[in-house]
Structures are given as C-alpha cells and as structure tokens.
C-alpha cells in the first residue's frame, strides 16, 4: 500500500518537520499537494522528488550556495 495518499500529519512525520512547516510550504505553493475537499493530501513519490530537487531547502540556504 505504498501509493496511499498521505495527510499533512503523515507527511510532516515522514519528512521530520512540524505540521506548521508543511502548512507554510502549502501557503507558498512550493510543496506538491492536492486538495481533497478541505484536506490537503500528498503522494510520497511526488514529495520525494520535490525534496531531491532541493524544493525543501530554505531560500536562505539556496542563496548561500
């Protein structure tokens, strides 16, 4: 069941960040997500690709590189 949709809490736990961080990324529209009714849902493979492409890096970190 690897292809199930993950909730905000699930994806925060998976990435090792707080839910507030996930909501910040959602408000900036930088994390791949899908809205289902009132809920945000995530596909693990899409989020993995986003992380690999440096999508999760802080803007300040990117500027320092």
N, C-alpha and C. Protein backbone atom coordinates (compact mmCIF):
# COMPACT_ATOMS: atom_id res chain seq x y z
N UNK A 1 0.83 -1.19 0.00
CA UNK A 1 0.00 0.00 0.00
C UNK A 1 0.87 1.25 0.00
N UNK A 2 1.92 1.25 -0.79
CA UNK A 2 2.85 2.37 -0.85
C UNK A 2 2.28 3.59 -1.54
N UNK A 3 1.22 3.43 -2.31
CA UNK A 3 0.72 4.55 -3.10
C UNK A 3 -0.46 5.27 -2.44
N UNK A 4 -0.65 5.06 -1.14
CA UNK A 4 -1.77 5.73 -0.48
C UNK A 4 -1.49 7.22 -0.33
N UNK A 5 -2.55 7.99 -0.22
CA UNK A 5 -2.44 9.42 -0.05
C UNK A 5 -2.09 9.71 1.41
N UNK A 6 -1.16 10.64 1.64
CA UNK A 6 -0.73 10.99 2.97
C UNK A 6 -1.33 12.33 3.40
N UNK A 7 -1.61 12.45 4.69
CA UNK A 7 -2.15 13.69 5.25
C UNK A 7 -1.01 14.64 5.61
N UNK A 8 -1.37 15.83 6.05
CA UNK A 8 -0.36 16.81 6.49
C UNK A 8 0.45 16.22 7.64
N UNK A 9 -0.22 15.60 8.60
CA UNK A 9 0.48 14.99 9.74
C UNK A 9 1.42 13.88 9.28
N UNK A 10 0.94 13.05 8.34
CA UNK A 10 1.76 11.95 7.82
C UNK A 10 3.01 12.49 7.13
N UNK A 11 2.84 13.50 6.28
CA UNK A 11 3.97 14.00 5.51
C UNK A 11 4.95 14.76 6.40
N UNK A 12 4.44 15.45 7.41
CA UNK A 12 5.32 16.12 8.37
C UNK A 12 6.16 15.10 9.12
N UNK A 13 5.53 14.01 9.56
CA UNK A 13 6.25 12.95 10.25
C UNK A 13 7.27 12.30 9.32
N UNK A 14 6.88 12.04 8.10
CA UNK A 14 7.76 11.41 7.10
C UNK A 14 9.00 12.26 6.84
N UNK A 15 8.80 13.59 6.75
CA UNK A 15 9.92 14.49 6.45
C UNK A 15 10.67 14.93 7.70
N UNK A 16 10.09 14.66 8.87
CA UNK A 16 10.74 15.06 10.12
C UNK A 16 10.66 16.54 10.39
N UNK A 17 9.54 17.14 9.99
CA UNK A 17 9.31 18.57 10.24
C UNK A 17 7.99 18.73 10.98
N UNK A 18 7.72 19.94 11.45
CA UNK A 18 6.45 20.22 12.12
C UNK A 18 5.35 20.45 11.09
N UNK A 19 4.12 20.21 11.52
CA UNK A 19 2.98 20.45 10.63
C UNK A 19 2.94 21.91 10.19
N UNK A 20 3.34 22.81 11.07
CA UNK A 20 3.37 24.24 10.73
C UNK A 20 4.26 24.51 9.52
N UNK A 21 5.37 23.77 9.44
CA UNK A 21 6.27 23.93 8.30
C UNK A 21 5.60 23.49 7.02
N UNK A 22 4.88 22.37 7.07
CA UNK A 22 4.16 21.89 5.89
C UNK A 22 3.11 22.92 5.47
N UNK A 23 2.37 23.47 6.44
CA UNK A 23 1.37 24.49 6.11
C UNK A 23 2.02 25.74 5.52
N UNK A 24 3.22 26.09 5.98
CA UNK A 24 3.94 27.24 5.41
C UNK A 24 4.27 26.96 3.95
N UNK A 25 4.78 25.75 3.68
CA UNK A 25 5.09 25.37 2.30
C UNK A 25 3.83 25.39 1.44
N UNK A 26 2.71 24.92 2.01
CA UNK A 26 1.45 24.93 1.26
C UNK A 26 1.02 26.36 0.94
N UNK A 27 1.16 27.26 1.90
CA UNK A 27 0.73 28.65 1.67
C UNK A 27 1.59 29.31 0.59
N UNK A 28 2.85 28.89 0.48
CA UNK A 28 3.75 29.43 -0.55
C UNK A 28 3.65 28.65 -1.85
N UNK A 29 2.84 27.58 -1.85
CA UNK A 29 2.62 26.73 -3.02
C UNK A 29 3.92 26.15 -3.56
N UNK A 30 4.78 25.68 -2.64
CA UNK A 30 6.05 25.12 -3.10
C UNK A 30 6.14 23.61 -2.93
N UNK A 31 5.25 23.01 -2.17
CA UNK A 31 5.27 21.56 -1.97
C UNK A 31 4.17 20.94 -2.85
N UNK A 32 4.48 19.84 -3.51
CA UNK A 32 3.44 19.21 -4.33
C UNK A 32 2.33 18.61 -3.46
N UNK A 33 1.12 19.07 -3.66
CA UNK A 33 -0.01 18.63 -2.85
C UNK A 33 -1.29 18.72 -3.65
N UNK A 34 -2.30 18.04 -3.18
CA UNK A 34 -3.60 18.02 -3.83
C UNK A 34 -4.67 18.26 -2.78
N UNK A 35 -5.61 19.14 -3.07
CA UNK A 35 -6.68 19.43 -2.13
C UNK A 35 -7.85 18.50 -2.42
N UNK A 36 -8.28 17.78 -1.39
CA UNK A 36 -9.41 16.86 -1.49
C UNK A 36 -10.44 17.37 -0.50
N UNK A 37 -11.46 18.05 -1.00
CA UNK A 37 -12.40 18.71 -0.10
C UNK A 37 -11.66 19.81 0.65
N UNK A 38 -11.68 19.72 1.98
CA UNK A 38 -10.96 20.69 2.81
C UNK A 38 -9.57 20.22 3.17
N UNK A 39 -9.22 19.00 2.82
CA UNK A 39 -7.98 18.39 3.27
C UNK A 39 -6.89 18.43 2.21
N UNK A 40 -5.66 18.60 2.65
CA UNK A 40 -4.51 18.50 1.77
C UNK A 40 -4.00 17.08 1.80
N UNK A 41 -3.70 16.53 0.63
CA UNK A 41 -3.18 15.16 0.52
C UNK A 41 -1.91 15.18 -0.32
N UNK A 42 -1.04 14.22 -0.04
CA UNK A 42 0.27 14.17 -0.67
C UNK A 42 0.56 12.77 -1.17
N UNK A 43 1.27 12.69 -2.29
CA UNK A 43 1.80 11.43 -2.80
C UNK A 43 3.27 11.38 -2.41
N UNK A 44 3.66 10.30 -1.76
CA UNK A 44 5.02 10.18 -1.25
C UNK A 44 6.06 10.33 -2.36
N UNK A 45 5.80 9.71 -3.52
CA UNK A 45 6.79 9.79 -4.61
C UNK A 45 6.95 11.22 -5.13
N UNK A 46 5.87 12.01 -5.17
CA UNK A 46 5.96 13.40 -5.61
C UNK A 46 6.76 14.23 -4.61
N UNK A 47 6.54 14.00 -3.33
CA UNK A 47 7.26 14.73 -2.29
C UNK A 47 8.73 14.33 -2.29
N UNK A 48 9.01 13.04 -2.48
CA UNK A 48 10.40 12.57 -2.56
C UNK A 48 11.14 13.28 -3.70
N UNK A 49 10.51 13.38 -4.85
CA UNK A 49 11.13 14.05 -6.00
C UNK A 49 11.34 15.53 -5.71
N UNK A 50 10.38 16.15 -5.04
CA UNK A 50 10.49 17.56 -4.67
C UNK A 50 11.68 17.78 -3.74
N UNK A 51 11.86 16.89 -2.77
CA UNK A 51 12.99 17.01 -1.84
C UNK A 51 14.30 16.82 -2.60
N UNK A 52 14.36 15.82 -3.47
CA UNK A 52 15.58 15.55 -4.25
C UNK A 52 15.97 16.74 -5.13
N UNK A 53 14.99 17.50 -5.57
CA UNK A 53 15.27 18.64 -6.45
C UNK A 53 15.52 19.93 -5.66
N UNK A 54 15.79 19.78 -4.37
CA UNK A 54 16.07 20.91 -3.47
C UNK A 54 14.87 21.79 -3.20
N UNK A 55 13.68 21.29 -3.43
CA UNK A 55 12.48 22.09 -3.16
C UNK A 55 12.27 22.38 -1.70
N UNK A 56 12.77 21.51 -0.82
CA UNK A 56 12.56 21.69 0.61
C UNK A 56 13.62 22.57 1.26
N UNK A 57 14.66 22.94 0.53
CA UNK A 57 15.73 23.76 1.10
C UNK A 57 15.22 25.17 1.34
N UNK A 58 15.68 25.77 2.44
CA UNK A 58 15.32 27.16 2.72
C UNK A 58 15.87 28.06 1.63
N UNK A 59 15.15 29.13 1.32
CA UNK A 59 15.64 30.08 0.33
C UNK A 59 16.99 30.64 0.75
N UNK A 60 17.17 30.90 2.02
CA UNK A 60 18.43 31.44 2.51
C UNK A 60 19.56 30.43 2.26
N UNK A 61 19.29 29.15 2.50
CA UNK A 61 20.29 28.12 2.24
C UNK A 61 20.67 28.09 0.75
N UNK A 62 19.68 28.22 -0.11
CA UNK A 62 19.93 28.20 -1.55
C UNK A 62 20.80 29.40 -1.96
N UNK A 63 20.51 30.57 -1.36
CA UNK A 63 21.25 31.78 -1.70
C UNK A 63 22.72 31.69 -1.27
N UNK A 64 22.98 30.91 -0.20
CA UNK A 64 24.34 30.80 0.33
C UNK A 64 25.19 29.85 -0.50
N UNK A 65 24.59 29.04 -1.35
CA UNK A 65 25.34 28.04 -2.14
C UNK A 65 26.12 28.68 -3.26
